[in-house]
Amino acid sequence: MTTIPTKTIGHIDFRAGLSRLRILVGPLVLLALWQLGSSTGLIPERTLAAPLTVITTGAELIASGKLQEHLLVSLGRAATGLALGVAIGVVLAVAAGLFRIGEDLIDGNMQILRAIPGLALVPLAIVWFGIGEEVKVFLVVFATTFPIYLNTHAAIRGVDPRYAELARTVELGRWKLIRKVVLPGALPGFFTGLRFATAISWLVLVVSEQINASSGIGFLMTQARSFNQTDVIVVGLAVYGLLGLTSDLLVRFIERKTLSWRRTFEAR
């Protein structure tokens, strides 16, 4: 048996780690330009606080525990809304993708609802759910259902028909065909939809947390706006951005582990 030298393994691991860190190059360059603009006076402090000021303010909010308190509330809202949106989107996509009557009953309605901006539903959602937690979660659910549905439905319908023919050749039943061929083949589309849905959940949460909220990162930013505290506002934006990046990296990690059997193109 041929063994791979330890040096080679270390070299591969080092390159893999370095490749993952390349995602930080863009944000670091942006921060450097932002700090340069603030230091030279091109970006007034009143208009946009400098990165160092934002970092100091963020550290103070963390030290006081205020940031963590509001962050936990936002995480709870986003996680609840995303979980419900994913569940609803998957169920509808499977029903519409696998059954003709399901597509007839579901797909047309989903396309109509998809054309309605989620934030345009705010007045009606307030009438339905009031101004408590329910309206905030509902808006996240509504916005995240569609990317899951569209991508999963398209992936189900895009499964190579030759696989179905092969399954019939080896006499697989309909349910085994769905479980062993169709649904695994649709997973790449599902994960694409999930990446869109996680990003959208944070975008919607920014606005929903400004609807008569008393907690959450959006509420913290609304308070800061009243006192013209651009540093606190930027801290809130940075938190949302980091949450979006972290959730996307988490989804991509799960996707790599789940779809380890799939060969993909890698950029050089």
C-alpha atoms as a PDB file:
ATOM      1  CA  MET A   1       0.000   0.000   0.000  1.00  0.00           C
ATOM      2  CA  THR A   2       1.349   3.426  -0.955  1.00  0.00           C
ATOM      3  CA  THR A   3       1.364   6.038   1.794  1.00  0.00           C
ATOM      4  CA  ILE A   4       1.141   9.786   1.272  1.00  0.00           C
ATOM      5  CA  PRO A   5       3.994  11.703   2.921  1.00  0.00           C
ATOM      6  CA  THR A   6       2.971  13.785   5.928  1.00  0.00           C
ATOM      7  CA  LYS A   7       4.413  16.905   4.318  1.00  0.00           C
ATOM      8  CA  THR A   8       2.050  16.518   1.372  1.00  0.00           C
ATOM      9  CA  ILE A   9      -0.972  16.223   3.638  1.00  0.00           C
ATOM     10  CA  GLY A  10       0.083  19.327   5.570  1.00  0.00           C
ATOM     11  CA  HIS A  11       0.617  21.208   2.315  1.00  0.00           C
ATOM     12  CA  ILE A  12      -2.867  20.260   1.099  1.00  0.00           C
ATOM     13  CA  ASP A  13      -4.451  21.278   4.423  1.00  0.00           C
ATOM     14  CA  PHE A  14      -2.582  24.595   4.375  1.00  0.00           C
ATOM     15  CA  ARG A  15      -3.747  25.368   0.837  1.00  0.00           C
ATOM     16  CA  ALA A  16      -7.323  24.428   1.699  1.00  0.00           C
ATOM     17  CA  GLY A  17      -7.275  26.713   4.753  1.00  0.00           C
ATOM     18  CA  LEU A  18      -5.739  29.544   2.754  1.00  0.00           C
ATOM     19  CA  SER A  19      -8.387  29.126   0.065  1.00  0.00           C
ATOM     20  CA  ARG A  20     -11.172  29.511   2.637  1.00  0.00           C
ATOM     21  CA  LEU A  21      -9.598  32.679   4.022  1.00  0.00           C
ATOM     22  CA  ARG A  22      -9.689  34.325   0.584  1.00  0.00           C
ATOM     23  CA  ILE A  23     -13.322  35.233   1.231  1.00  0.00           C
ATOM     24  CA  LEU A  24     -12.056  37.833   3.747  1.00  0.00           C
ATOM     25  CA  VAL A  25      -9.949  39.731   1.185  1.00  0.00           C
ATOM     26  CA  GLY A  26     -12.861  41.797  -0.195  1.00  0.00           C
ATOM     27  CA  PRO A  27     -14.219  42.911   3.213  1.00  0.00           C
ATOM     28  CA  LEU A  28     -10.709  43.827   4.457  1.00  0.00           C
ATOM     29  CA  VAL A  29     -10.019  45.973   1.384  1.00  0.00           C
ATOM     30  CA  LEU A  30     -13.390  47.708   1.831  1.00  0.00           C
ATOM     31  CA  LEU A  31     -12.626  48.410   5.509  1.00  0.00           C
ATOM     32  CA  ALA A  32      -9.218  49.860   4.617  1.00  0.00           C
ATOM     33  CA  LEU A  33     -10.755  52.226   2.024  1.00  0.00           C
ATOM     34  CA  TRP A  34     -13.497  53.224   4.459  1.00  0.00           C
ATOM     35  CA  GLN A  35     -10.971  54.034   7.225  1.00  0.00           C
ATOM     36  CA  LEU A  36      -8.829  55.975   4.744  1.00  0.00           C
ATOM     37  CA  GLY A  37     -11.836  58.021   3.641  1.00  0.00           C
ATOM     38  CA  SER A  38     -12.759  58.785   7.264  1.00  0.00           C
ATOM     39  CA  SER A  39      -9.191  59.710   8.240  1.00  0.00           C
ATOM     40  CA  THR A  40      -8.816  62.107   5.301  1.00  0.00           C
ATOM     41  CA  GLY A  41     -12.196  63.749   5.889  1.00  0.00           C
ATOM     42  CA  LEU A  42     -13.734  62.498   2.643  1.00  0.00           C
ATOM     43  CA  ILE A  43     -16.360  60.670   4.711  1.00  0.00           C
ATOM     44  CA  PRO A  44     -17.686  62.990   7.470  1.00  0.00           C
ATOM     45  CA  GLU A  45     -18.143  61.384  10.915  1.00  0.00           C
ATOM     46  CA  ARG A  46     -21.709  62.701  11.073  1.00  0.00           C
ATOM     47  CA  THR A  47     -22.567  60.953   7.810  1.00  0.00           C
ATOM     48  CA  LEU A  48     -20.812  57.656   8.526  1.00  0.00           C
ATOM     49  CA  ALA A  49     -18.751  56.766  11.584  1.00  0.00           C
ATOM     50  CA  ALA A  50     -15.202  55.526  10.986  1.00  0.00           C
ATOM     51  CA  PRO A  51     -14.451  51.787  11.340  1.00  0.00           C
ATOM     52  CA  LEU A  52     -12.361  52.349  14.489  1.00  0.00           C
ATOM     53  CA  THR A  53     -15.230  54.292  16.071  1.00  0.00           C
ATOM     54  CA  VAL A  54     -17.662  51.536  15.122  1.00  0.00           C
ATOM     55  CA  ILE A  55     -15.366  48.884  16.620  1.00  0.00           C
ATOM     56  CA  THR A  56     -15.080  50.876  19.865  1.00  0.00           C
ATOM     57  CA  THR A  57     -18.855  51.309  20.055  1.00  0.00           C
ATOM     58  CA  GLY A  58     -19.390  47.612  19.333  1.00  0.00           C
ATOM     59  CA  ALA A  59     -16.973  46.678  22.119  1.00  0.00           C
ATOM     60  CA  GLU A  60     -18.845  48.939  24.542  1.00  0.00           C
ATOM     61  CA  LEU A  61     -22.200  47.389  23.580  1.00  0.00           C
ATOM     62  CA  ILE A  62     -20.745  43.906  24.083  1.00  0.00           C
ATOM     63  CA  ALA A  63     -19.194  44.848  27.438  1.00  0.00           C
ATOM     64  CA  SER A  64     -22.558  46.144  28.670  1.00  0.00           C
ATOM     65  CA  GLY A  65     -24.351  43.008  27.418  1.00  0.00           C
ATOM     66  CA  LYS A  66     -26.764  45.112  25.406  1.00  0.00           C
ATOM     67  CA  LEU A  67     -25.700  43.754  22.011  1.00  0.00           C
ATOM     68  CA  GLN A  68     -25.964  40.104  23.068  1.00  0.00           C
ATOM     69  CA  GLU A  69     -29.423  40.698  24.531  1.00  0.00           C
ATOM     70  CA  HIS A  70     -30.810  42.152  21.299  1.00  0.00           C
ATOM     71  CA  LEU A  71     -28.893  39.649  19.156  1.00  0.00           C
ATOM     72  CA  LEU A  72     -30.506  36.645  20.861  1.00  0.00           C
ATOM     73  CA  VAL A  73     -33.950  38.096  20.205  1.00  0.00           C
ATOM     74  CA  SER A  74     -33.152  38.634  16.514  1.00  0.00           C
ATOM     75  CA  LEU A  75     -31.697  35.140  16.177  1.00  0.00           C
ATOM     76  CA  GLY A  76     -34.843  33.637  17.663  1.00  0.00           C
ATOM     77  CA  ARG A  77     -37.104  35.493  15.255  1.00  0.00           C
ATOM     78  CA  ALA A  78     -34.996  34.677  12.202  1.00  0.00           C
ATOM     79  CA  ALA A  79     -34.565  30.993  13.130  1.00  0.00           C
ATOM     80  CA  THR A  80     -38.285  30.505  13.788  1.00  0.00           C
ATOM     81  CA  GLY A  81     -39.346  32.249  10.579  1.00  0.00           C
ATOM     82  CA  LEU A  82     -36.712  30.486   8.468  1.00  0.00           C
ATOM     83  CA  ALA A  83     -37.574  27.041   9.861  1.00  0.00           C
ATOM     84  CA  LEU A  84     -41.271  27.531   9.094  1.00  0.00           C
ATOM     85  CA  GLY A  85     -40.526  29.002   5.653  1.00  0.00           C
ATOM     86  CA  VAL A  86     -38.250  26.100   4.733  1.00  0.00           C
ATOM     87  CA  ALA A  87     -40.786  23.508   5.900  1.00  0.00           C
ATOM     88  CA  ILE A  88     -43.654  25.127   3.986  1.00  0.00           C
ATOM     89  CA  GLY A  89     -41.552  25.662   0.859  1.00  0.00           C
ATOM     90  CA  VAL A  90     -40.304  22.059   0.770  1.00  0.00           C
ATOM     91  CA  VAL A  91     -43.768  20.551   1.304  1.00  0.00           C
ATOM     92  CA  LEU A  92     -45.296  22.702  -1.442  1.00  0.00           C
ATOM     93  CA  ALA A  93     -42.382  22.067  -3.831  1.00  0.00           C
ATOM     94  CA  VAL A  94     -42.589  18.292  -3.367  1.00  0.00           C
ATOM     95  CA  ALA A  95     -46.365  18.294  -3.829  1.00  0.00           C
ATOM     96  CA  ALA A  96     -46.187  20.477  -6.963  1.00  0.00           C
ATOM     97  CA  GLY A  97     -43.095  18.782  -8.357  1.00  0.00           C
ATOM     98  CA  LEU A  98     -44.185  15.167  -7.989  1.00  0.00           C
ATOM     99  CA  PHE A  99     -47.918  15.298  -8.615  1.00  0.00           C
ATOM    100  CA  ARG A 100     -49.757  16.847 -11.556  1.00  0.00           C
ATOM    101  CA  ILE A 101     -52.745  17.852  -9.440  1.00  0.00           C
ATOM    102  CA  GLY A 102     -50.343  19.396  -6.922  1.00  0.00           C
ATOM    103  CA  GLU A 103     -48.809  21.593  -9.610  1.00  0.00           C
ATOM    104  CA  ASP A 104     -52.261  22.596 -10.875  1.00  0.00           C
ATOM    105  CA  LEU A 105     -53.378  23.651  -7.409  1.00  0.00           C
ATOM    106  CA  ILE A 106     -50.147  25.112  -6.024  1.00  0.00           C
ATOM    107  CA  ASP A 107     -47.796  26.484  -8.659  1.00  0.00           C
ATOM    108  CA  GLY A 108     -50.081  29.188 -10.075  1.00  0.00           C
ATOM    109  CA  ASN A 109     -50.875  30.527  -6.610  1.00  0.00           C
ATOM    110  CA  MET A 110     -47.208  30.544  -5.631  1.00  0.00           C
ATOM    111  CA  GLN A 111     -46.261  32.508  -8.737  1.00  0.00           C
ATOM    112  CA  ILE A 112     -48.946  35.108  -7.954  1.00  0.00           C
ATOM    113  CA  LEU A 113     -47.907  35.447  -4.297  1.00  0.00           C
ATOM    114  CA  ARG A 114     -44.239  35.577  -5.287  1.00  0.00           C
ATOM    115  CA  ALA A 115     -44.905  38.772  -7.249  1.00  0.00           C
ATOM    116  CA  ILE A 116     -46.153  40.524  -4.098  1.00  0.00           C
ATOM    117  CA  PRO A 117     -43.333  42.321  -2.233  1.00  0.00           C
ATOM    118  CA  GLY A 118     -43.186  40.909   1.270  1.00  0.00           C
ATOM    119  CA  LEU A 119     -42.813  44.330   2.866  1.00  0.00           C
ATOM    120  CA  ALA A 120     -45.984  45.509   1.077  1.00  0.00           C
ATOM    121  CA  LEU A 121     -47.848  43.064   3.310  1.00  0.00           C
ATOM    122  CA  VAL A 122     -46.811  44.908   6.476  1.00  0.00           C
ATOM    123  CA  PRO A 123     -50.100  46.851   6.924  1.00  0.00           C
ATOM    124  CA  LEU A 124     -52.201  43.720   6.310  1.00  0.00           C
ATOM    125  CA  ALA A 125     -49.944  41.588   8.510  1.00  0.00           C
ATOM    126  CA  ILE A 126     -50.376  44.069  11.356  1.00  0.00           C
ATOM    127  CA  VAL A 127     -54.175  43.792  10.963  1.00  0.00           C
ATOM    128  CA  TRP A 128     -53.909  39.989  11.074  1.00  0.00           C
ATOM    129  CA  PHE A 129     -51.338  39.510  13.824  1.00  0.00           C
ATOM    130  CA  GLY A 130     -51.122  42.840  15.647  1.00  0.00           C
ATOM    131  CA  ILE A 131     -47.758  44.412  16.451  1.00  0.00           C
ATOM    132  CA  GLY A 132     -46.274  41.617  18.555  1.00  0.00           C
ATOM    133  CA  GLU A 133     -43.797  38.864  17.702  1.00  0.00           C
ATOM    134  CA  GLU A 134     -46.162  37.086  15.312  1.00  0.00           C
ATOM    135  CA  VAL A 135     -46.037  39.759  12.614  1.00  0.00           C
ATOM    136  CA  LYS A 136     -42.237  39.763  12.568  1.00  0.00           C
ATOM    137  CA  VAL A 137     -42.034  35.980  12.238  1.00  0.00           C
ATOM    138  CA  PHE A 138     -44.782  35.955   9.604  1.00  0.00           C
ATOM    139  CA  LEU A 139     -42.902  38.375   7.354  1.00  0.00           C
ATOM    140  CA  VAL A 140     -39.781  36.188   7.533  1.00  0.00           C
ATOM    141  CA  VAL A 141     -41.850  33.070   6.777  1.00  0.00           C
ATOM    142  CA  PHE A 142     -43.530  34.708   3.796  1.00  0.00           C
ATOM    143  CA  ALA A 143     -40.270  35.954   2.311  1.00  0.00           C
ATOM    144  CA  THR A 144     -38.285  32.742   2.783  1.00  0.00           C
ATOM    145  CA  THR A 145     -40.881  30.284   1.494  1.00  0.00           C
ATOM    146  CA  PHE A 146     -40.541  31.305  -2.157  1.00  0.00           C
ATOM    147  CA  PRO A 147     -36.794  30.772  -2.781  1.00  0.00           C
ATOM    148  CA  ILE A 148     -37.101  27.321  -1.184  1.00  0.00           C
ATOM    149  CA  TYR A 149     -40.176  26.467  -3.241  1.00  0.00           C
ATOM    150  CA  LEU A 150     -38.877  27.766  -6.583  1.00  0.00           C
ATOM    151  CA  ASN A 151     -35.440  26.159  -6.413  1.00  0.00           C
ATOM    152  CA  THR A 152     -36.620  22.843  -4.992  1.00  0.00           C
ATOM    153  CA  HIS A 153     -39.504  22.605  -7.463  1.00  0.00           C
ATOM    154  CA  ALA A 154     -37.188  23.382 -10.395  1.00  0.00           C
ATOM    155  CA  ALA A 155     -34.644  20.836  -9.150  1.00  0.00           C
ATOM    156  CA  ILE A 156     -37.282  18.108  -8.854  1.00  0.00           C
ATOM    157  CA  ARG A 157     -38.511  18.777 -12.377  1.00  0.00           C
ATOM    158  CA  GLY A 158     -34.904  18.974 -13.609  1.00  0.00           C
ATOM    159  CA  VAL A 159     -33.879  15.483 -12.467  1.00  0.00           C
ATOM    160  CA  ASP A 160     -32.457  13.583 -15.443  1.00  0.00           C
ATOM    161  CA  PRO A 161     -35.263  11.347 -16.829  1.00  0.00           C
ATOM    162  CA  ARG A 162     -32.661   8.696 -17.634  1.00  0.00           C
ATOM    163  CA  TYR A 163     -32.391   8.006 -13.920  1.00  0.00           C
ATOM    164  CA  ALA A 164     -36.135   7.314 -13.833  1.00  0.00           C
ATOM    165  CA  GLU A 165     -35.783   4.958 -16.780  1.00  0.00           C
ATOM    166  CA  LEU A 166     -32.923   3.161 -15.034  1.00  0.00           C
ATOM    167  CA  ALA A 167     -35.014   2.883 -11.861  1.00  0.00           C
ATOM    168  CA  ARG A 168     -37.862   1.315 -13.832  1.00  0.00           C
ATOM    169  CA  THR A 169     -35.404  -1.078 -15.451  1.00  0.00           C
ATOM    170  CA  VAL A 170     -34.314  -2.366 -12.045  1.00  0.00           C
ATOM    171  CA  GLU A 171     -37.997  -2.413 -11.007  1.00  0.00           C
ATOM    172  CA  LEU A 172     -37.929   0.279  -8.354  1.00  0.00           C
ATOM    173  CA  GLY A 173     -41.407   1.220  -7.117  1.00  0.00           C
ATOM    174  CA  ARG A 174     -42.744   4.779  -7.373  1.00  0.00           C
ATOM    175  CA  TRP A 175     -42.006   5.679  -3.753  1.00  0.00           C
ATOM    176  CA  LYS A 176     -38.535   4.170  -3.871  1.00  0.00           C
ATOM    177  CA  LEU A 177     -37.918   6.117  -7.081  1.00  0.00           C
ATOM    178  CA  ILE A 178     -38.929   9.324  -5.318  1.00  0.00           C
ATOM    179  CA  ARG A 179     -36.919   8.558  -2.174  1.00  0.00           C
ATOM    180  CA  LYS A 180     -33.757   7.210  -3.812  1.00  0.00           C
ATOM    181  CA  VAL A 181     -33.600   9.170  -7.090  1.00  0.00           C
ATOM    182  CA  VAL A 182     -35.803  12.260  -7.275  1.00  0.00           C
ATOM    183  CA  LEU A 183     -35.331  13.761  -3.812  1.00  0.00           C
ATOM    184  CA  PRO A 184     -31.530  13.211  -3.654  1.00  0.00           C
ATOM    185  CA  GLY A 185     -31.279  14.685  -7.149  1.00  0.00           C
ATOM    186  CA  ALA A 186     -33.198  17.761  -5.997  1.00  0.00           C
ATOM    187  CA  LEU A 187     -30.924  18.455  -3.002  1.00  0.00           C
ATOM    188  CA  PRO A 188     -28.544  20.811  -4.900  1.00  0.00           C
ATOM    189  CA  GLY A 189     -31.510  22.991  -5.856  1.00  0.00           C
ATOM    190  CA  PHE A 190     -32.824  22.908  -2.298  1.00  0.00           C
ATOM    191  CA  PHE A 191     -29.496  24.124  -0.895  1.00  0.00           C
ATOM    192  CA  THR A 192     -29.378  26.929  -3.468  1.00  0.00           C
ATOM    193  CA  GLY A 193     -32.811  28.018  -2.300  1.00  0.00           C
ATOM    194  CA  LEU A 194     -31.723  27.730   1.321  1.00  0.00           C
ATOM    195  CA  ARG A 195     -28.790  30.072   0.731  1.00  0.00           C
ATOM    196  CA  PHE A 196     -31.158  32.648  -0.783  1.00  0.00           C
ATOM    197  CA  ALA A 197     -33.661  32.134   2.033  1.00  0.00           C
ATOM    198  CA  THR A 198     -31.129  32.687   4.833  1.00  0.00           C
ATOM    199  CA  ALA A 199     -29.973  35.944   3.254  1.00  0.00           C
ATOM    200  CA  ILE A 200     -33.557  37.114   2.717  1.00  0.00           C
ATOM    201  CA  SER A 201     -34.498  36.287   6.321  1.00  0.00           C
ATOM    202  CA  TRP A 202     -31.995  38.858   7.612  1.00  0.00           C
ATOM    203  CA  LEU A 203     -33.083  41.475   5.057  1.00  0.00           C
ATOM    204  CA  VAL A 204     -36.723  41.160   6.091  1.00  0.00           C
ATOM    205  CA  LEU A 205     -35.840  41.103   9.771  1.00  0.00           C
ATOM    206  CA  VAL A 206     -34.164  44.530   9.498  1.00  0.00           C
ATOM    207  CA  VAL A 207     -37.507  46.085   8.576  1.00  0.00           C
ATOM    208  CA  SER A 208     -39.803  43.874  10.647  1.00  0.00           C
ATOM    209  CA  GLU A 209     -37.893  44.683  13.837  1.00  0.00           C
ATOM    210  CA  GLN A 210     -38.721  48.342  13.347  1.00  0.00           C
ATOM    211  CA  ILE A 211     -42.458  47.650  13.665  1.00  0.00           C
ATOM    212  CA  ASN A 212     -43.159  48.783  17.223  1.00  0.00           C
ATOM    213  CA  ALA A 213     -40.384  46.520  18.527  1.00  0.00           C
ATOM    214  CA  SER A 214     -38.899  46.790  21.995  1.00  0.00           C
ATOM    215  CA  SER A 215     -35.938  44.493  21.372  1.00  0.00           C
ATOM    216  CA  GLY A 216     -33.759  43.138  18.578  1.00  0.00           C
ATOM    217  CA  ILE A 217     -30.953  44.562  16.460  1.00  0.00           C
ATOM    218  CA  GLY A 218     -33.458  46.467  14.294  1.00  0.00           C
ATOM    219  CA  PHE A 219     -34.901  48.122  17.389  1.00  0.00           C
ATOM    220  CA  LEU A 220     -31.386  49.073  18.526  1.00  0.00           C
ATOM    221  CA  MET A 221     -30.770  50.722  15.144  1.00  0.00           C
ATOM    222  CA  THR A 222     -34.097  52.579  15.291  1.00  0.00           C
ATOM    223  CA  GLN A 223     -33.212  54.002  18.682  1.00  0.00           C
ATOM    224  CA  ALA A 224     -29.795  55.069  17.379  1.00  0.00           C
ATOM    225  CA  ARG A 225     -31.391  56.807  14.404  1.00  0.00           C
ATOM    226  CA  SER A 226     -33.455  58.962  16.766  1.00  0.00           C
ATOM    227  CA  PHE A 227     -30.234  60.243  18.388  1.00  0.00           C
ATOM    228  CA  ASN A 228     -28.228  60.357  15.131  1.00  0.00           C
ATOM    229  CA  GLN A 229     -25.791  57.708  16.420  1.00  0.00           C
ATOM    230  CA  THR A 230     -24.369  56.506  13.130  1.00  0.00           C
ATOM    231  CA  ASP A 231     -21.795  54.352  14.918  1.00  0.00           C
ATOM    232  CA  VAL A 232     -24.529  52.259  16.593  1.00  0.00           C
ATOM    233  CA  ILE A 233     -26.423  52.027  13.298  1.00  0.00           C
ATOM    234  CA  VAL A 234     -23.300  50.741  11.545  1.00  0.00           C
ATOM    235  CA  VAL A 235     -22.719  48.241  14.376  1.00  0.00           C
ATOM    236  CA  GLY A 236     -26.237  46.923  13.752  1.00  0.00           C
ATOM    237  CA  LEU A 237     -25.599  46.721  10.005  1.00  0.00           C
ATOM    238  CA  ALA A 238     -22.292  44.941  10.639  1.00  0.00           C
ATOM    239  CA  VAL A 239     -24.046  42.422  12.890  1.00  0.00           C
ATOM    240  CA  TYR A 240     -26.649  41.717  10.200  1.00  0.00           C
ATOM    241  CA  GLY A 241     -23.880  41.352   7.623  1.00  0.00           C
ATOM    242  CA  LEU A 242     -21.887  38.962   9.815  1.00  0.00           C
ATOM    243  CA  LEU A 243     -25.017  36.959  10.557  1.00  0.00           C
ATOM    244  CA  GLY A 244     -25.722  36.692   6.821  1.00  0.00           C
ATOM    245  CA  LEU A 245     -22.149  35.609   6.062  1.00  0.00           C
ATOM    246  CA  THR A 246     -22.057  33.111   8.938  1.00  0.00           C
ATOM    247  CA  SER A 247     -25.392  31.551   8.014  1.00  0.00           C
ATOM    248  CA  ASP A 248     -24.338  31.268   4.366  1.00  0.00           C
ATOM    249  CA  LEU A 249     -21.054  29.590   5.333  1.00  0.00           C
ATOM    250  CA  LEU A 250     -22.978  27.204   7.584  1.00  0.00           C
ATOM    251  CA  VAL A 251     -25.370  26.266   4.774  1.00  0.00           C
ATOM    252  CA  ARG A 252     -22.449  25.748   2.384  1.00  0.00           C
ATOM    253  CA  PHE A 253     -20.698  23.544   4.959  1.00  0.00           C
ATOM    254  CA  ILE A 254     -23.820  21.393   5.392  1.00  0.00           C
ATOM    255  CA  GLU A 255     -24.211  21.268   1.613  1.00  0.00           C
ATOM    256  CA  ARG A 256     -20.633  20.019   1.149  1.00  0.00           C
ATOM    257  CA  LYS A 257     -21.128  17.306   3.761  1.00  0.00           C
ATOM    258  CA  THR A 258     -24.531  16.256   2.448  1.00  0.00           C
ATOM    259  CA  LEU A 259     -23.528  16.313  -1.224  1.00  0.00           C
ATOM    260  CA  SER A 260     -20.032  14.915  -0.788  1.00  0.00           C
ATOM    261  CA  TRP A 261     -20.836  12.436  -3.572  1.00  0.00           C
ATOM    262  CA  ARG A 262     -21.307  15.216  -6.129  1.00  0.00           C
ATOM    263  CA  ARG A 263     -18.360  16.351  -8.218  1.00  0.00           C
ATOM    264  CA  THR A 264     -18.281  20.104  -8.845  1.00  0.00           C
ATOM    265  CA  PHE A 265     -16.090  22.541 -10.738  1.00  0.00           C
ATOM    266  CA  GLU A 266     -13.532  24.382  -8.596  1.00  0.00           C
ATOM    267  CA  ALA A 267     -12.114  27.740  -9.646  1.00  0.00           C
ATOM    268  CA  ARG A 268      -8.324  28.018  -9.960  1.00  0.00           C
END
